[in-house]
Amino acid sequence: MYRLMSVAETIRRKLESRFTPMELEIIDESARHRGHAGARPEGETHFRVRVVAEAFTGLSRVARQRAVYDALAEELAGPLHALSVVTLAPGEERD
């Protein structure tokens, strides 16, 4: 039986493939946005991700976020309405 991946599973697969993160946190915040623009009753429209990866070493915060948005371009054009991103290189703390 063929099963479509959830948006969260797709995000995880794509980010792991692209960045090989040491840490990856994906939080579905869709329930907090019910009734807002872009929200769907079934959820999976608003996510927060935190990615710690060696791939971000030496990149600016903007370049890191662009790389994540590029990796998730298909989802951002479709089911994903909002994405909050924190990208860190190993050993960095969030400011």
PDB file of N, CA and C in Angstrom:
ATOM      1  N   MET A   1       0.844  -1.181   0.000  1.00  0.00           N
ATOM      2  CA  MET A   1       0.000   0.000   0.000  1.00  0.00           C
ATOM      3  C   MET A   1       0.892   1.248   0.000  1.00  0.00           C
ATOM      4  N   TYR A   2       0.574   2.188  -0.863  1.00  0.00           N
ATOM      5  CA  TYR A   2       1.345   3.422  -0.984  1.00  0.00           C
ATOM      6  C   TYR A   2       0.857   4.434   0.046  1.00  0.00           C
ATOM      7  N   ARG A   3       1.780   5.018   0.795  1.00  0.00           N
ATOM      8  CA  ARG A   3       1.424   5.995   1.815  1.00  0.00           C
ATOM      9  C   ARG A   3       2.199   7.276   1.546  1.00  0.00           C
ATOM     10  N   LEU A   4       1.484   8.375   1.440  1.00  0.00           N
ATOM     11  CA  LEU A   4       2.147   9.662   1.269  1.00  0.00           C
ATOM     12  C   LEU A   4       2.797  10.073   2.577  1.00  0.00           C
ATOM     13  N   MET A   5       3.955  10.708   2.476  1.00  0.00           N
ATOM     14  CA  MET A   5       4.620  11.206   3.674  1.00  0.00           C
ATOM     15  C   MET A   5       3.910  12.449   4.173  1.00  0.00           C
ATOM     16  N   SER A   6       3.910  12.631   5.464  1.00  0.00           N
ATOM     17  CA  SER A   6       3.385  13.860   6.034  1.00  0.00           C
ATOM     18  C   SER A   6       4.337  15.000   5.677  1.00  0.00           C
ATOM     19  N   VAL A   7       3.877  16.214   5.826  1.00  0.00           N
ATOM     20  CA  VAL A   7       4.727  17.376   5.559  1.00  0.00           C
ATOM     21  C   VAL A   7       5.944  17.337   6.491  1.00  0.00           C
ATOM     22  N   ALA A   8       5.733  17.011   7.758  1.00  0.00           N
ATOM     23  CA  ALA A   8       6.840  16.939   8.715  1.00  0.00           C
ATOM     24  C   ALA A   8       7.866  15.885   8.293  1.00  0.00           C
ATOM     25  N   GLU A   9       7.406  14.721   7.830  1.00  0.00           N
ATOM     26  CA  GLU A   9       8.327  13.675   7.382  1.00  0.00           C
ATOM     27  C   GLU A   9       9.109  14.136   6.152  1.00  0.00           C
ATOM     28  N   THR A  10       8.438  14.843   5.261  1.00  0.00           N
ATOM     29  CA  THR A  10       9.100  15.349   4.059  1.00  0.00           C
ATOM     30  C   THR A  10      10.157  16.377   4.422  1.00  0.00           C
ATOM     31  N   ILE A  11       9.821  17.284   5.342  1.00  0.00           N
ATOM     32  CA  ILE A  11      10.784  18.281   5.810  1.00  0.00           C
ATOM     33  C   ILE A  11      12.001  17.574   6.394  1.00  0.00           C
ATOM     34  N   ARG A  12      11.761  16.601   7.251  1.00  0.00           N
ATOM     35  CA  ARG A  12      12.867  15.860   7.894  1.00  0.00           C
ATOM     36  C   ARG A  12      13.745  15.186   6.837  1.00  0.00           C
ATOM     37  N   ARG A  13      13.145  14.483   5.906  1.00  0.00           N
ATOM     38  CA  ARG A  13      13.895  13.757   4.880  1.00  0.00           C
ATOM     39  C   ARG A  13      14.752  14.715   4.053  1.00  0.00           C
ATOM     40  N   LYS A  14      14.171  15.830   3.639  1.00  0.00           N
ATOM     41  CA  LYS A  14      14.898  16.772   2.782  1.00  0.00           C
ATOM     42  C   LYS A  14      16.030  17.468   3.526  1.00  0.00           C
ATOM     43  N   LEU A  15      15.778  17.885   4.763  1.00  0.00           N
ATOM     44  CA  LEU A  15      16.825  18.567   5.528  1.00  0.00           C
ATOM     45  C   LEU A  15      17.945  17.612   5.915  1.00  0.00           C
ATOM     46  N   GLU A  16      17.611  16.379   6.262  1.00  0.00           N
ATOM     47  CA  GLU A  16      18.651  15.402   6.579  1.00  0.00           C
ATOM     48  C   GLU A  16      19.496  15.096   5.354  1.00  0.00           C
ATOM     49  N   SER A  17      18.853  14.976   4.211  1.00  0.00           N
ATOM     50  CA  SER A  17      19.568  14.683   2.975  1.00  0.00           C
ATOM     51  C   SER A  17      20.485  15.828   2.555  1.00  0.00           C
ATOM     52  N   ARG A  18      19.994  17.042   2.671  1.00  0.00           N
ATOM     53  CA  ARG A  18      20.739  18.213   2.184  1.00  0.00           C
ATOM     54  C   ARG A  18      21.856  18.624   3.136  1.00  0.00           C
ATOM     55  N   PHE A  19      21.607  18.580   4.455  1.00  0.00           N
ATOM     56  CA  PHE A  19      22.556  19.167   5.413  1.00  0.00           C
ATOM     57  C   PHE A  19      23.232  18.170   6.351  1.00  0.00           C
ATOM     58  N   THR A  20      22.789  16.934   6.422  1.00  0.00           N
ATOM     59  CA  THR A  20      23.317  15.946   7.352  1.00  0.00           C
ATOM     60  C   THR A  20      23.475  16.570   8.743  1.00  0.00           C
ATOM     61  N   PRO A  21      22.385  17.022   9.322  1.00  0.00           N
ATOM     62  CA  PRO A  21      22.472  17.755  10.592  1.00  0.00           C
ATOM     63  C   PRO A  21      22.886  16.894  11.778  1.00  0.00           C
ATOM     64  N   MET A  22      23.584  17.562  12.706  1.00  0.00           N
ATOM     65  CA  MET A  22      23.916  16.943  13.982  1.00  0.00           C
ATOM     66  C   MET A  22      22.683  16.961  14.880  1.00  0.00           C
ATOM     67  N   GLU A  23      21.877  18.000  14.723  1.00  0.00           N
ATOM     68  CA  GLU A  23      20.619  18.140  15.451  1.00  0.00           C
ATOM     69  C   GLU A  23      19.574  18.661  14.477  1.00  0.00           C
ATOM     70  N   LEU A  24      18.360  18.139  14.598  1.00  0.00           N
ATOM     71  CA  LEU A  24      17.255  18.602  13.771  1.00  0.00           C
ATOM     72  C   LEU A  24      15.978  18.519  14.594  1.00  0.00           C
ATOM     73  N   GLU A  25      15.357  19.646  14.787  1.00  0.00           N
ATOM     74  CA  GLU A  25      14.110  19.720  15.530  1.00  0.00           C
ATOM     75  C   GLU A  25      13.050  20.300  14.600  1.00  0.00           C
ATOM     76  N   ILE A  26      11.933  19.600  14.483  1.00  0.00           N
ATOM     77  CA  ILE A  26      10.832  20.034  13.629  1.00  0.00           C
ATOM     78  C   ILE A  26       9.572  20.066  14.485  1.00  0.00           C
ATOM     79  N   ILE A  27       8.994  21.244  14.613  1.00  0.00           N
ATOM     80  CA  ILE A  27       7.810  21.409  15.455  1.00  0.00           C
ATOM     81  C   ILE A  27       6.660  21.922  14.605  1.00  0.00           C
ATOM     82  N   ASP A  28       5.562  21.185  14.620  1.00  0.00           N
ATOM     83  CA  ASP A  28       4.352  21.586  13.907  1.00  0.00           C
ATOM     84  C   ASP A  28       3.568  22.538  14.816  1.00  0.00           C
ATOM     85  N   GLU A  29       3.525  23.793  14.428  1.00  0.00           N
ATOM     86  CA  GLU A  29       2.822  24.814  15.206  1.00  0.00           C
ATOM     87  C   GLU A  29       1.469  25.177  14.587  1.00  0.00           C
ATOM     88  N   SER A  30       0.968  24.339  13.712  1.00  0.00           N
ATOM     89  CA  SER A  30      -0.265  24.627  12.976  1.00  0.00           C
ATOM     90  C   SER A  30      -1.452  24.865  13.893  1.00  0.00           C
ATOM     91  N   ALA A  31      -1.546  24.121  14.982  1.00  0.00           N
ATOM     92  CA  ALA A  31      -2.686  24.274  15.888  1.00  0.00           C
ATOM     93  C   ALA A  31      -2.765  25.686  16.466  1.00  0.00           C
ATOM     94  N   ARG A  32      -1.625  26.335  16.603  1.00  0.00           N
ATOM     95  CA  ARG A  32      -1.595  27.698  17.138  1.00  0.00           C
ATOM     96  C   ARG A  32      -2.099  28.716  16.125  1.00  0.00           C
ATOM     97  N   HIS A  33      -2.281  28.296  14.868  1.00  0.00           N
ATOM     98  CA  HIS A  33      -2.645  29.217  13.799  1.00  0.00           C
ATOM     99  C   HIS A  33      -4.010  28.914  13.184  1.00  0.00           C
ATOM    100  N   ARG A  34      -4.813  28.124  13.869  1.00  0.00           N
ATOM    101  CA  ARG A  34      -6.155  27.824  13.355  1.00  0.00           C
ATOM    102  C   ARG A  34      -6.921  29.118  13.129  1.00  0.00           C
ATOM    103  N   GLY A  35      -7.554  29.184  11.973  1.00  0.00           N
ATOM    104  CA  GLY A  35      -8.332  30.371  11.634  1.00  0.00           C
ATOM    105  C   GLY A  35      -7.526  31.472  10.977  1.00  0.00           C
ATOM    106  N   HIS A  36      -6.211  31.334  10.971  1.00  0.00           N
ATOM    107  CA  HIS A  36      -5.351  32.333  10.335  1.00  0.00           C
ATOM    108  C   HIS A  36      -5.190  32.017   8.855  1.00  0.00           C
ATOM    109  N   ALA A  37      -4.680  32.968   8.121  1.00  0.00           N
ATOM    110  CA  ALA A  37      -4.437  32.780   6.690  1.00  0.00           C
ATOM    111  C   ALA A  37      -3.505  31.591   6.469  1.00  0.00           C
ATOM    112  N   GLY A  38      -3.832  30.770   5.501  1.00  0.00           N
ATOM    113  CA  GLY A  38      -2.992  29.642   5.142  1.00  0.00           C
ATOM    114  C   GLY A  38      -3.194  28.392   5.970  1.00  0.00           C
ATOM    115  N   ALA A  39      -3.923  28.484   7.068  1.00  0.00           N
ATOM    116  CA  ALA A  39      -4.147  27.322   7.926  1.00  0.00           C
ATOM    117  C   ALA A  39      -5.194  26.414   7.286  1.00  0.00           C
ATOM    118  N   ARG A  40      -4.944  25.100   7.380  1.00  0.00           N
ATOM    119  CA  ARG A  40      -5.902  24.111   6.897  1.00  0.00           C
ATOM    120  C   ARG A  40      -6.394  23.322   8.098  1.00  0.00           C
ATOM    121  N   PRO A  41      -7.611  22.837   8.053  1.00  0.00           N
ATOM    122  CA  PRO A  41      -8.147  22.072   9.192  1.00  0.00           C
ATOM    123  C   PRO A  41      -7.302  20.859   9.555  1.00  0.00           C
ATOM    124  N   GLU A  42      -6.677  20.220   8.560  1.00  0.00           N
ATOM    125  CA  GLU A  42      -5.867  19.032   8.838  1.00  0.00           C
ATOM    126  C   GLU A  42      -4.477  19.364   9.370  1.00  0.00           C
ATOM    127  N   GLY A  43      -4.134  20.643   9.414  1.00  0.00           N
ATOM    128  CA  GLY A  43      -2.850  21.062   9.980  1.00  0.00           C
ATOM    129  C   GLY A  43      -1.691  20.931   9.006  1.00  0.00           C
ATOM    130  N   GLU A  44      -0.493  20.847   9.564  1.00  0.00           N
ATOM    131  CA  GLU A  44       0.760  20.747   8.820  1.00  0.00           C
ATOM    132  C   GLU A  44       0.958  21.903   7.835  1.00  0.00           C
ATOM    133  N   THR A  45       0.714  23.110   8.328  1.00  0.00           N
ATOM    134  CA  THR A  45       0.887  24.312   7.504  1.00  0.00           C
ATOM    135  C   THR A  45       1.915  25.272   8.082  1.00  0.00           C
ATOM    136  N   HIS A  46       2.147  25.213   9.379  1.00  0.00           N
ATOM    137  CA  HIS A  46       3.043  26.142  10.076  1.00  0.00           C
ATOM    138  C   HIS A  46       4.059  25.334  10.880  1.00  0.00           C
ATOM    139  N   PHE A  47       5.340  25.502  10.551  1.00  0.00           N
ATOM    140  CA  PHE A  47       6.383  24.742  11.230  1.00  0.00           C
ATOM    141  C   PHE A  47       7.495  25.644  11.726  1.00  0.00           C
ATOM    142  N   ARG A  48       8.160  25.156  12.776  1.00  0.00           N
ATOM    143  CA  ARG A  48       9.382  25.780  13.273  1.00  0.00           C
ATOM    144  C   ARG A  48      10.455  24.701  13.210  1.00  0.00           C
ATOM    145  N   VAL A  49      11.607  25.043  12.613  1.00  0.00           N
ATOM    146  CA  VAL A  49      12.704  24.081  12.541  1.00  0.00           C
ATOM    147  C   VAL A  49      13.973  24.689  13.135  1.00  0.00           C
ATOM    148  N   ARG A  50      14.759  23.821  13.742  1.00  0.00           N
ATOM    149  CA  ARG A  50      16.070  24.195  14.268  1.00  0.00           C
ATOM    150  C   ARG A  50      17.044  23.169  13.716  1.00  0.00           C
ATOM    151  N   VAL A  51      18.041  23.650  12.982  1.00  0.00           N
ATOM    152  CA  VAL A  51      18.995  22.773  12.327  1.00  0.00           C
ATOM    153  C   VAL A  51      20.406  23.159  12.761  1.00  0.00           C
ATOM    154  N   VAL A  52      21.152  22.193  13.270  1.00  0.00           N
ATOM    155  CA  VAL A  52      22.564  22.390  13.597  1.00  0.00           C
ATOM    156  C   VAL A  52      23.339  21.491  12.646  1.00  0.00           C
ATOM    157  N   ALA A  53      24.155  22.130  11.783  1.00  0.00           N
ATOM    158  CA  ALA A  53      24.874  21.350  10.776  1.00  0.00           C
ATOM    159  C   ALA A  53      26.211  21.996  10.432  1.00  0.00           C
ATOM    160  N   GLU A  54      27.186  21.164  10.188  1.00  0.00           N
ATOM    161  CA  GLU A  54      28.506  21.619   9.758  1.00  0.00           C
ATOM    162  C   GLU A  54      28.394  22.412   8.456  1.00  0.00           C
ATOM    163  N   ALA A  55      27.408  22.085   7.640  1.00  0.00           N
ATOM    164  CA  ALA A  55      27.212  22.761   6.352  1.00  0.00           C
ATOM    165  C   ALA A  55      27.000  24.269   6.503  1.00  0.00           C
ATOM    166  N   PHE A  56      26.622  24.714   7.689  1.00  0.00           N
ATOM    167  CA  PHE A  56      26.372  26.143   7.916  1.00  0.00           C
ATOM    168  C   PHE A  56      27.615  26.915   8.367  1.00  0.00           C
ATOM    169  N   THR A  57      28.695  26.212   8.645  1.00  0.00           N
ATOM    170  CA  THR A  57      29.924  26.864   9.079  1.00  0.00           C
ATOM    171  C   THR A  57      30.407  27.836   8.006  1.00  0.00           C
ATOM    172  N   GLY A  58      30.665  29.075   8.424  1.00  0.00           N
ATOM    173  CA  GLY A  58      31.172  30.094   7.515  1.00  0.00           C
ATOM    174  C   GLY A  58      30.109  30.806   6.687  1.00  0.00           C
ATOM    175  N   LEU A  59      28.853  30.384   6.786  1.00  0.00           N
ATOM    176  CA  LEU A  59      27.774  31.042   6.050  1.00  0.00           C
ATOM    177  C   LEU A  59      27.082  32.077   6.925  1.00  0.00           C
ATOM    178  N   SER A  60      26.607  33.143   6.319  1.00  0.00           N
ATOM    179  CA  SER A  60      25.827  34.141   7.057  1.00  0.00           C
ATOM    180  C   SER A  60      24.473  33.551   7.424  1.00  0.00           C
ATOM    181  N   ARG A  61      23.804  34.174   8.348  1.00  0.00           N
ATOM    182  CA  ARG A  61      22.471  33.721   8.751  1.00  0.00           C
ATOM    183  C   ARG A  61      21.515  33.730   7.562  1.00  0.00           C
ATOM    184  N   VAL A  62      21.607  34.757   6.730  1.00  0.00           N
ATOM    185  CA  VAL A  62      20.742  34.860   5.551  1.00  0.00           C
ATOM    186  C   VAL A  62      21.036  33.723   4.574  1.00  0.00           C
ATOM    187  N   ALA A  63      22.301  33.433   4.327  1.00  0.00           N
ATOM    188  CA  ALA A  63      22.676  32.349   3.412  1.00  0.00           C
ATOM    189  C   ALA A  63      22.190  31.000   3.936  1.00  0.00           C
ATOM    190  N   ARG A  64      22.274  30.801   5.236  1.00  0.00           N
ATOM    191  CA  ARG A  64      21.806  29.554   5.847  1.00  0.00           C
ATOM    192  C   ARG A  64      20.302  29.396   5.649  1.00  0.00           C
ATOM    193  N   GLN A  65      19.562  30.477   5.927  1.00  0.00           N
ATOM    194  CA  GLN A  65      18.111  30.406   5.789  1.00  0.00           C
ATOM    195  C   GLN A  65      17.703  30.212   4.335  1.00  0.00           C
ATOM    196  N   ARG A  66      18.405  30.872   3.433  1.00  0.00           N
ATOM    197  CA  ARG A  66      18.111  30.673   2.000  1.00  0.00           C
ATOM    198  C   ARG A  66      18.330  29.222   1.603  1.00  0.00           C
ATOM    199  N   ALA A  67      19.367  28.603   2.130  1.00  0.00           N
ATOM    200  CA  ALA A  67      19.646  27.206   1.811  1.00  0.00           C
ATOM    201  C   ALA A  67      18.508  26.300   2.286  1.00  0.00           C
ATOM    202  N   VAL A  68      17.982  26.564   3.480  1.00  0.00           N
ATOM    203  CA  VAL A  68      16.857  25.779   4.000  1.00  0.00           C
ATOM    204  C   VAL A  68      15.611  26.021   3.148  1.00  0.00           C
ATOM    205  N   TYR A  69      15.326  27.283   2.848  1.00  0.00           N
ATOM    206  CA  TYR A  69      14.155  27.588   2.010  1.00  0.00           C
ATOM    207  C   TYR A  69      14.290  26.952   0.633  1.00  0.00           C
ATOM    208  N   ASP A  70      15.497  26.923   0.088  1.00  0.00           N
ATOM    209  CA  ASP A  70      15.725  26.289  -1.205  1.00  0.00           C
ATOM    210  C   ASP A  70      15.443  24.791  -1.122  1.00  0.00           C
ATOM    211  N   ALA A  71      15.906  24.162  -0.051  1.00  0.00           N
ATOM    212  CA  ALA A  71      15.684  22.726   0.129  1.00  0.00           C
ATOM    213  C   ALA A  71      14.199  22.393   0.245  1.00  0.00           C
ATOM    214  N   LEU A  72      13.415  23.337   0.759  1.00  0.00           N
ATOM    215  CA  LEU A  72      11.979  23.107   0.988  1.00  0.00           C
ATOM    216  C   LEU A  72      11.106  23.912   0.028  1.00  0.00           C
ATOM    217  N   ALA A  73      11.653  24.300  -1.112  1.00  0.00           N
ATOM    218  CA  ALA A  73      10.921  25.149  -2.064  1.00  0.00           C
ATOM    219  C   ALA A  73       9.599  24.523  -2.505  1.00  0.00           C
ATOM    220  N   GLU A  74       9.595  23.240  -2.756  1.00  0.00           N
ATOM    221  CA  GLU A  74       8.375  22.572  -3.210  1.00  0.00           C
ATOM    222  C   GLU A  74       7.285  22.642  -2.139  1.00  0.00           C
ATOM    223  N   GLU A  75       7.665  22.429  -0.897  1.00  0.00           N
ATOM    224  CA  GLU A  75       6.688  22.475   0.200  1.00  0.00           C
ATOM    225  C   GLU A  75       6.193  23.901   0.426  1.00  0.00           C
ATOM    226  N   LEU A  76       7.094  24.874   0.320  1.00  0.00           N
ATOM    227  CA  LEU A  76       6.698  26.275   0.506  1.00  0.00           C
ATOM    228  C   LEU A  76       5.765  26.744  -0.603  1.00  0.00           C
ATOM    229  N   ALA A  77       5.838  26.130  -1.755  1.00  0.00           N
ATOM    230  CA  ALA A  77       4.941  26.472  -2.863  1.00  0.00           C
ATOM    231  C   ALA A  77       3.599  25.755  -2.734  1.00  0.00           C
ATOM    232  N   GLY A  78       3.527  24.803  -1.827  1.00  0.00           N
ATOM    233  CA  GLY A  78       2.307  24.015  -1.703  1.00  0.00           C
ATOM    234  C   GLY A  78       1.728  24.021  -0.304  1.00  0.00           C
ATOM    235  N   PRO A  79       1.907  22.911   0.415  1.00  0.00           N
ATOM    236  CA  PRO A  79       1.198  22.754   1.688  1.00  0.00           C
ATOM    237  C   PRO A  79       1.737  23.592   2.849  1.00  0.00           C
ATOM    238  N   LEU A  80       2.984  24.016   2.765  1.00  0.00           N
ATOM    239  CA  LEU A  80       3.613  24.743   3.868  1.00  0.00           C
ATOM    240  C   LEU A  80       3.358  26.238   3.726  1.00  0.00           C
ATOM    241  N   HIS A  81       2.677  26.818   4.704  1.00  0.00           N
ATOM    242  CA  HIS A  81       2.333  28.235   4.639  1.00  0.00           C
ATOM    243  C   HIS A  81       3.353  29.116   5.355  1.00  0.00           C
ATOM    244  N   ALA A  82       3.888  28.637   6.480  1.00  0.00           N
ATOM    245  CA  ALA A  82       4.819  29.446   7.266  1.00  0.00           C
ATOM    246  C   ALA A  82       5.913  28.552   7.838  1.00  0.00           C
ATOM    247  N   LEU A  83       7.134  29.089   7.810  1.00  0.00           N
ATOM    248  CA  LEU A  83       8.283  28.343   8.303  1.00  0.00           C
ATOM    249  C   LEU A  83       9.194  29.280   9.076  1.00  0.00           C
ATOM    250  N   SER A  84       9.424  28.946  10.337  1.00  0.00           N
ATOM    251  CA  SER A  84      10.366  29.680  11.180  1.00  0.00           C
ATOM    252  C   SER A  84      11.626  28.839  11.255  1.00  0.00           C
ATOM    253  N   VAL A  85      12.782  29.454  10.982  1.00  0.00           N
ATOM    254  CA  VAL A  85      14.025  28.701  10.852  1.00  0.00           C
ATOM    255  C   VAL A  85      15.103  29.244  11.782  1.00  0.00           C
ATOM    256  N   VAL A  86      15.754  28.342  12.503  1.00  0.00           N
ATOM    257  CA  VAL A  86      16.973  28.648  13.249  1.00  0.00           C
ATOM    258  C   VAL A  86      18.042  27.712  12.699  1.00  0.00           C
ATOM    259  N   THR A  87      19.126  28.295  12.194  1.00  0.00           N
ATOM    260  CA  THR A  87      20.206  27.515  11.612  1.00  0.00           C
ATOM    261  C   THR A  87      21.498  27.836  12.361  1.00  0.00           C
ATOM    262  N   LEU A  88      22.172  26.802  12.799  1.00  0.00           N
ATOM    263  CA  LEU A  88      23.397  26.979  13.568  1.00  0.00           C
ATOM    264  C   LEU A  88      24.482  26.044  13.079  1.00  0.00           C
ATOM    265  N   ALA A  89      25.720  26.498  13.164  1.00  0.00           N
ATOM    266  CA  ALA A  89      26.874  25.630  12.958  1.00  0.00           C
ATOM    267  C   ALA A  89      27.186  24.987  14.312  1.00  0.00           C
ATOM    268  N   PRO A  90      27.878  23.852  14.319  1.00  0.00           N
ATOM    269  CA  PRO A  90      28.219  23.205  15.592  1.00  0.00           C
ATOM    270  C   PRO A  90      28.949  24.166  16.533  1.00  0.00           C
ATOM    271  N   GLY A  91      28.560  24.151  17.794  1.00  0.00           N
ATOM    272  CA  GLY A  91      29.180  24.990  18.798  1.00  0.00           C
ATOM    273  C   GLY A  91      28.577  26.384  18.924  1.00  0.00           C
ATOM    274  N   GLU A  92      27.712  26.773  18.009  1.00  0.00           N
ATOM    275  CA  GLU A  92      27.068  28.091  18.096  1.00  0.00           C
ATOM    276  C   GLU A  92      25.851  28.027  19.004  1.00  0.00           C
ATOM    277  N   GLU A  93      25.561  29.127  19.602  1.00  0.00           N
ATOM    278  CA  GLU A  93      24.348  29.278  20.402  1.00  0.00           C
ATOM    279  C   GLU A  93      23.413  30.204  19.655  1.00  0.00           C
ATOM    280  N   ARG A  94      22.129  30.014  19.830  1.00  0.00           N
ATOM    281  CA  ARG A  94      21.160  30.911  19.217  1.00  0.00           C
ATOM    282  C   ARG A  94      21.255  32.262  19.886  1.00  0.00           C
ATOM    283  N   ASP A  95      21.268  33.351  19.063  1.00  0.00           N
ATOM    284  CA  ASP A  95      21.339  34.689  19.641  1.00  0.00           C
ATOM    285  C   ASP A  95      19.996  35.212  20.016  1.00  0.00           C
TER     286      ASP A  95
END
